[in-house]
Amino acid sequence: MKLAVTITLLMVVLLSLFSGYIKAEREPTCDGAAHGCPRNYDPVCGTDGKTYSNECLLCVENLKKNIHSRITKNGKC
């Protein structure tokens, strides 16, 4: 029983240490990006390392350059 508790605690500690290294990327929502973007400032960080003023502008950049940049996080890179 004591061994099971020790192993469980060790796993919890290891998972918490390495959780910062896991990057959750997501696809941008590009509905209407071809027709123009709003001017709101709601920055997102792309997988290309660039900060975009909003999700729509990331979509426009993907279309212009024929790339597939995703969102790594909300906010500046």
C-alpha atoms as a PDB file:
ATOM      1  CA  MET A   1       0.000   0.000   0.000  1.00  0.00           C
ATOM      2  CA  LYS A   2       2.807   2.375   0.931  1.00  0.00           C
ATOM      3  CA  LEU A   3       4.547   1.642  -2.374  1.00  0.00           C
ATOM      4  CA  ALA A   4       1.401   2.447  -4.357  1.00  0.00           C
ATOM      5  CA  VAL A   5       1.002   5.805  -2.590  1.00  0.00           C
ATOM      6  CA  THR A   6       4.672   6.636  -3.178  1.00  0.00           C
ATOM      7  CA  ILE A   7       4.441   5.785  -6.874  1.00  0.00           C
ATOM      8  CA  THR A   8       1.242   7.809  -7.233  1.00  0.00           C
ATOM      9  CA  LEU A   9       2.819  10.850  -5.574  1.00  0.00           C
ATOM     10  CA  LEU A  10       5.912  10.496  -7.750  1.00  0.00           C
ATOM     11  CA  MET A  11       3.761  10.394 -10.891  1.00  0.00           C
ATOM     12  CA  VAL A  12       1.837  13.504  -9.807  1.00  0.00           C
ATOM     13  CA  VAL A  13       5.091  15.385  -9.206  1.00  0.00           C
ATOM     14  CA  LEU A  14       6.550  14.319 -12.557  1.00  0.00           C
ATOM     15  CA  LEU A  15       3.392  15.241 -14.450  1.00  0.00           C
ATOM     16  CA  SER A  16       3.288  18.663 -12.836  1.00  0.00           C
ATOM     17  CA  LEU A  17       6.947  19.278 -13.688  1.00  0.00           C
ATOM     18  CA  PHE A  18       6.561  18.354 -17.344  1.00  0.00           C
ATOM     19  CA  SER A  19       3.143  19.887 -17.949  1.00  0.00           C
ATOM     20  CA  GLY A  20       4.796  23.186 -18.896  1.00  0.00           C
ATOM     21  CA  TYR A  21       6.585  21.500 -21.792  1.00  0.00           C
ATOM     22  CA  ILE A  22       3.393  20.285 -23.446  1.00  0.00           C
ATOM     23  CA  LYS A  23       2.152  22.816 -25.973  1.00  0.00           C
ATOM     24  CA  ALA A  24      -1.495  22.749 -26.851  1.00  0.00           C
ATOM     25  CA  GLU A  25      -1.826  24.152 -30.349  1.00  0.00           C
ATOM     26  CA  ARG A  26      -5.158  24.835 -31.951  1.00  0.00           C
ATOM     27  CA  GLU A  27      -6.468  25.620 -35.392  1.00  0.00           C
ATOM     28  CA  PRO A  28      -7.511  29.237 -35.947  1.00  0.00           C
ATOM     29  CA  THR A  29     -11.137  29.934 -36.796  1.00  0.00           C
ATOM     30  CA  CYS A  30     -10.916  31.408 -40.282  1.00  0.00           C
ATOM     31  CA  ASP A  31     -14.585  31.958 -41.098  1.00  0.00           C
ATOM     32  CA  GLY A  32     -14.810  35.158 -43.128  1.00  0.00           C
ATOM     33  CA  ALA A  33     -11.071  35.900 -43.137  1.00  0.00           C
ATOM     34  CA  ALA A  34     -11.071  36.218 -46.926  1.00  0.00           C
ATOM     35  CA  HIS A  35     -13.637  39.040 -46.675  1.00  0.00           C
ATOM     36  CA  GLY A  36     -11.724  41.185 -44.189  1.00  0.00           C
ATOM     37  CA  CYS A  37     -10.863  41.204 -40.512  1.00  0.00           C
ATOM     38  CA  PRO A  38     -12.139  43.240 -37.580  1.00  0.00           C
ATOM     39  CA  ARG A  39      -9.770  45.791 -36.082  1.00  0.00           C
ATOM     40  CA  ASN A  40     -10.045  44.513 -32.524  1.00  0.00           C
ATOM     41  CA  TYR A  41      -6.816  43.859 -30.644  1.00  0.00           C
ATOM     42  CA  ASP A  42      -6.950  40.347 -29.243  1.00  0.00           C
ATOM     43  CA  PRO A  43      -3.401  39.032 -29.804  1.00  0.00           C
ATOM     44  CA  VAL A  44      -2.577  35.407 -30.521  1.00  0.00           C
ATOM     45  CA  CYS A  45       0.795  33.697 -30.814  1.00  0.00           C
ATOM     46  CA  GLY A  46       1.327  31.663 -33.977  1.00  0.00           C
ATOM     47  CA  THR A  47       3.411  28.525 -34.329  1.00  0.00           C
ATOM     48  CA  ASP A  48       5.700  30.605 -36.546  1.00  0.00           C
ATOM     49  CA  GLY A  49       6.702  32.630 -33.465  1.00  0.00           C
ATOM     50  CA  LYS A  50       4.893  35.795 -34.585  1.00  0.00           C
ATOM     51  CA  THR A  51       2.286  37.706 -32.605  1.00  0.00           C
ATOM     52  CA  TYR A  52      -0.844  38.534 -34.605  1.00  0.00           C
ATOM     53  CA  SER A  53      -3.236  41.298 -33.578  1.00  0.00           C
ATOM     54  CA  ASN A  54      -6.137  38.854 -33.771  1.00  0.00           C
ATOM     55  CA  GLU A  55      -6.976  35.360 -34.977  1.00  0.00           C
ATOM     56  CA  CYS A  56      -8.374  36.609 -38.271  1.00  0.00           C
ATOM     57  CA  LEU A  57      -5.084  38.286 -39.218  1.00  0.00           C
ATOM     58  CA  LEU A  58      -3.261  35.016 -38.592  1.00  0.00           C
ATOM     59  CA  CYS A  59      -5.699  33.399 -41.043  1.00  0.00           C
ATOM     60  CA  VAL A  60      -5.061  36.101 -43.643  1.00  0.00           C
ATOM     61  CA  GLU A  61      -1.299  35.585 -43.314  1.00  0.00           C
ATOM     62  CA  ASN A  62      -1.792  31.838 -43.791  1.00  0.00           C
ATOM     63  CA  LEU A  63      -3.791  32.478 -46.964  1.00  0.00           C
ATOM     64  CA  LYS A  64      -1.326  35.047 -48.366  1.00  0.00           C
ATOM     65  CA  LYS A  65       1.798  32.972 -47.780  1.00  0.00           C
ATOM     66  CA  ASN A  66       0.174  29.559 -48.271  1.00  0.00           C
ATOM     67  CA  ILE A  67       1.353  28.395 -44.850  1.00  0.00           C
ATOM     68  CA  HIS A  68      -0.394  26.555 -42.016  1.00  0.00           C
ATOM     69  CA  SER A  69       0.452  28.462 -38.840  1.00  0.00           C
ATOM     70  CA  ARG A  70      -1.591  27.440 -35.815  1.00  0.00           C
ATOM     71  CA  ILE A  71      -2.227  29.185 -32.489  1.00  0.00           C
ATOM     72  CA  THR A  72       0.074  28.236 -29.622  1.00  0.00           C
ATOM     73  CA  LYS A  73      -1.552  30.538 -27.075  1.00  0.00           C
ATOM     74  CA  ASN A  74      -3.733  33.586 -26.623  1.00  0.00           C
ATOM     75  CA  GLY A  75      -1.677  36.706 -26.017  1.00  0.00           C
ATOM     76  CA  LYS A  76       1.728  37.838 -27.224  1.00  0.00           C
ATOM     77  CA  CYS A  77       4.480  35.355 -28.041  1.00  0.00           C
END
